[in-house]
Protein backbone atom coordinates (compact mmCIF):
# COMPACT_ATOMS: atom_id res chain seq x y z
CA UNK A 1 0.00 0.00 0.00
CA UNK A 2 1.03 3.61 -0.11
CA UNK A 3 0.65 6.49 2.32
CA UNK A 4 -2.70 7.01 3.94
CA UNK A 5 -4.91 9.43 2.08
CA UNK A 6 -2.84 9.15 -1.08
CA UNK A 7 -3.66 7.32 -4.28
CA UNK A 8 -2.52 3.69 -4.26
CA UNK A 9 -2.65 3.45 -8.05
CA UNK A 10 0.95 4.58 -8.58
CA UNK A 11 3.51 7.32 -8.38
CA UNK A 12 2.72 8.45 -11.91
CA UNK A 13 -0.65 9.60 -10.66
CA UNK A 14 0.36 11.16 -7.35
CA UNK A 15 3.62 11.48 -5.48
CA UNK A 16 3.93 10.60 -1.80
CA UNK A 17 6.21 8.77 0.61
CA UNK A 18 5.12 5.27 1.64
CA UNK A 19 3.95 4.76 5.21
CA UNK A 20 3.77 8.44 6.10
CA UNK A 21 0.87 9.29 8.36
CA UNK A 22 -0.41 12.81 7.66
CA UNK A 23 -2.65 14.55 10.18
CA UNK A 24 -6.28 13.62 9.55
CA UNK A 25 -8.66 16.55 9.77
CA UNK A 26 -11.67 14.39 8.97
CA UNK A 27 -13.59 13.24 12.07
CA UNK A 28 -16.60 11.54 10.46
CA UNK A 29 -16.27 8.57 8.11
CA UNK A 30 -18.21 9.29 4.92
CA UNK A 31 -19.31 6.70 2.38
CA UNK A 32 -18.07 8.44 -0.79
CA UNK A 33 -18.33 5.36 -3.02
CA UNK A 34 -21.74 3.95 -2.14
CA UNK A 35 -19.93 1.04 -0.45
CA UNK A 36 -20.58 1.13 3.28
CA UNK A 37 -19.56 -2.51 3.86
CA UNK A 38 -18.88 -4.47 5.92
CA UNK A 39 -16.82 -6.99 3.95
CA UNK A 40 -15.59 -10.41 5.06
CA UNK A 41 -12.35 -12.14 4.18
CA UNK A 42 -11.35 -15.50 5.70
CA UNK A 43 -14.01 -15.19 8.40
CA UNK A 44 -12.82 -11.73 9.49
CA UNK A 45 -15.23 -8.79 9.15
CA UNK A 46 -13.91 -5.45 7.90
CA UNK A 47 -15.85 -2.25 8.57
CA UNK A 48 -15.42 1.19 7.01
CA UNK A 49 -12.93 3.00 9.28
CA UNK A 50 -11.58 5.88 7.20
CA UNK A 51 -12.42 7.64 3.94
CA UNK A 52 -11.26 10.57 1.88
CA UNK A 53 -12.33 12.39 -1.27
CA UNK A 54 -9.53 14.88 -1.95
CA UNK A 55 -10.85 15.66 -5.45
CA UNK A 56 -14.24 15.15 -7.13
CA UNK A 57 -12.76 12.39 -9.30
CA UNK A 58 -10.94 10.42 -6.61
CA UNK A 59 -12.09 8.74 -3.40
CA UNK A 60 -10.66 6.15 -1.05
CA UNK A 61 -12.17 3.89 1.64
CA UNK A 62 -10.28 1.84 4.23
CA UNK A 63 -11.97 -1.07 6.03
CA UNK A 64 -10.52 -2.60 9.20
CA UNK A 65 -11.32 -5.38 11.68
CA UNK A 66 -12.78 -4.28 15.00
CA UNK A 67 -10.03 -3.13 17.36
CA UNK A 68 -7.59 -1.96 14.67
CA UNK A 69 -7.01 1.66 13.70
CA UNK A 70 -6.03 3.36 10.42
CA UNK A 71 -2.87 4.63 12.13
CA UNK A 72 -1.71 1.15 13.20
CA UNK A 73 -3.40 -1.80 11.56
CA UNK A 74 -2.47 -5.41 10.83
CA UNK A 75 -5.00 -6.12 8.08
CA UNK A 76 -6.97 -3.85 5.79
CA UNK A 77 -9.29 -3.91 2.80
CA UNK A 78 -9.13 -0.77 0.69
CA UNK A 79 -11.26 0.45 -2.19
CA UNK A 80 -10.36 3.36 -4.43
CA UNK A 81 -11.97 4.93 -7.46
CA UNK A 82 -10.28 7.38 -9.84
CA UNK A 83 -12.19 8.87 -12.76
CA UNK A 84 -10.45 9.15 -16.12
CA UNK A 85 -7.72 6.63 -15.27
CA UNK A 86 -7.05 3.49 -17.34
CA UNK A 87 -6.66 0.29 -15.25
CA UNK A 88 -3.70 -0.99 -17.29
CA UNK A 89 -1.87 2.32 -16.96
CA UNK A 90 -2.67 2.50 -13.24
CA UNK A 91 -1.18 -0.94 -12.60
CA UNK A 92 1.86 -0.13 -14.77
CA UNK A 93 2.43 3.09 -12.83
CA UNK A 94 2.43 1.17 -9.56
CA UNK A 95 4.96 -1.33 -10.94
CA UNK A 96 7.22 1.56 -11.98
CA UNK A 97 6.94 2.94 -8.45
CA UNK A 98 8.00 -0.43 -7.02
CA UNK A 99 10.92 -0.68 -9.46
CA UNK A 100 12.13 2.74 -8.34
CA UNK A 101 11.79 1.70 -4.70
CA UNK A 102 13.67 -1.62 -5.02
CA UNK A 103 17.27 -0.24 -4.89
CA UNK A 104 16.63 1.32 -1.47
CA UNK A 105 14.28 -1.36 -0.11
CA UNK A 106 15.45 -4.90 -0.95
CA UNK A 107 12.23 -6.35 0.52
CA UNK A 108 10.34 -4.82 -2.41
CA UNK A 109 9.15 -7.63 -4.69
CA UNK A 110 6.12 -8.05 -6.91
CA UNK A 111 4.27 -10.24 -9.36
CA UNK A 112 1.63 -9.07 -11.79
CA UNK A 113 -0.96 -11.10 -13.67
CA UNK A 114 -3.87 -10.33 -15.97
CA UNK A 115 -7.23 -12.07 -15.66
CA UNK A 116 -8.67 -11.61 -19.14
CA UNK A 117 -11.96 -13.31 -18.30
CA UNK A 118 -12.61 -10.94 -15.39
CA UNK A 119 -11.00 -7.93 -17.08
CA UNK A 120 -8.75 -7.40 -14.07
CA UNK A 121 -5.08 -6.99 -13.28
CA UNK A 122 -3.69 -8.48 -10.05
CA UNK A 123 -0.58 -6.94 -8.49
CA UNK A 124 0.92 -8.78 -5.51
CA UNK A 125 3.83 -7.06 -3.72
CA UNK A 126 5.89 -6.65 -0.54
CA UNK A 127 7.75 -3.65 0.83
CA UNK A 128 9.07 -2.22 4.10
CA UNK A 129 10.08 1.09 5.62
CA UNK A 130 11.26 2.64 8.89
CA UNK A 131 8.58 3.87 11.26
CA UNK A 132 8.49 6.71 13.77
CA UNK A 133 9.37 4.33 16.61
CA UNK A 134 12.47 3.10 14.77
CA UNK A 135 11.33 -0.51 14.57
CA UNK A 136 10.19 -0.58 10.97
CA UNK A 137 7.09 -1.71 9.11
CA UNK A 138 6.75 -4.62 6.69
CA UNK A 139 3.78 -5.03 4.40
CA UNK A 140 2.30 -7.43 1.85
CA UNK A 141 -0.41 -6.22 -0.53
CA UNK A 142 -2.66 -7.58 -3.24
CA UNK A 143 -4.31 -5.04 -5.56
CA UNK A 144 -7.00 -5.83 -8.13
CA UNK A 145 -7.42 -3.16 -10.85
CA UNK A 146 -10.58 -3.10 -12.98
CA UNK A 147 -12.50 -0.66 -15.15
CA UNK A 148 -15.13 1.25 -13.21
CA UNK A 149 -18.77 0.62 -14.14
CA UNK A 150 -19.65 2.34 -17.38
CA UNK A 151 -15.96 2.88 -18.17
CA UNK A 152 -15.76 5.72 -15.64
CA UNK A 153 -12.11 5.28 -14.70
CA UNK A 154 -10.55 2.59 -12.53
CA UNK A 155 -11.52 0.77 -9.35
CA UNK A 156 -8.86 -0.67 -7.07
CA UNK A 157 -9.81 -3.38 -4.58
CA UNK A 158 -6.91 -4.06 -2.25
CA UNK A 159 -5.91 -6.18 0.71
CA UNK A 160 -2.99 -5.45 3.01
CA UNK A 161 -1.19 -7.27 5.83
CA UNK A 162 1.25 -5.32 7.97
CA UNK A 163 3.72 -6.06 10.81
CA UNK A 164 5.73 -3.78 13.07
CA UNK A 165 9.09 -3.98 14.83
CA UNK A 166 10.06 -7.38 16.22
CA UNK A 167 6.91 -8.95 14.76
CA UNK A 168 8.31 -8.54 11.26
CA UNK A 169 10.42 -11.74 11.44
CA UNK A 170 7.40 -13.90 12.24
CA UNK A 171 5.44 -12.00 9.58
CA UNK A 172 7.85 -13.06 6.82
CA UNK A 173 8.04 -16.62 8.13
CA UNK A 174 4.25 -16.97 7.96
CA UNK A 175 3.79 -15.01 4.76
CA UNK A 176 4.11 -17.89 2.30
CA UNK A 177 1.16 -19.81 3.75
CA UNK A 178 -0.88 -16.72 4.62
CA UNK A 179 -0.34 -15.19 1.20
CA UNK A 180 -1.62 -18.31 -0.55
CA UNK A 181 -4.77 -18.45 1.60
CA UNK A 182 -5.34 -14.68 1.43
CA UNK A 183 -5.01 -14.60 -2.36
CA UNK A 184 -7.45 -17.46 -2.80
CA UNK A 185 -10.06 -15.69 -0.66
CA UNK A 186 -9.31 -12.21 -1.96
CA UNK A 187 -9.51 -13.08 -5.67
CA UNK A 188 -12.83 -14.84 -5.01
CA UNK A 189 -14.39 -11.61 -3.70
CA UNK A 190 -16.78 -10.02 -6.22
CA UNK A 191 -15.34 -6.82 -7.70
CA UNK A 192 -17.13 -3.87 -6.12
CA UNK A 193 -19.43 -1.60 -8.14
CA UNK A 194 -18.65 1.91 -7.02
CA UNK A 195 -21.37 4.55 -7.00
CA UNK A 196 -19.41 7.77 -6.33
CA UNK A 197 -21.20 10.58 -4.56
CA UNK A 198 -20.77 14.16 -5.74
CA UNK A 199 -18.94 16.49 -3.41
């Protein structure tokens, strides 16, 4: 994933530093996409916990399990919609961002696949970064890119797992099995049909 409140589609669309946590002025969570949730993945329920619509053509929702916060989460489902953006170009921009990151973050790795039948692109990637406490953050993400209903831009449906500090070693040890199970459940989720609300 990328910084909170910033577009996850790729650096070519917006520039920001991964894992930064800007101050959140928003106090109420607004359903900008007509997708209040909740969603379930592997018997865990995810509820809408944070949202943003920085421009009329772009909105983002983050869904978390009960007890987790947007500032420090372990698992997240995210949904984004960007008008006027091509899904193939959005996925390619994210890959370019990961390629640029790799020299300074050797944990950055990715695979990308196209599901022609579903009209989707799946990007599966890992990355890490220092955190404010000095212990570091490690993250695995799966992003599904698809054309928005009616060809109105791109929808991103994402899933993220994150670990902090000393928990990162166990995170990587468990990732192979967890990734396989998460991907099977995540790719079986129906692609969401966004219904953006006007600002």
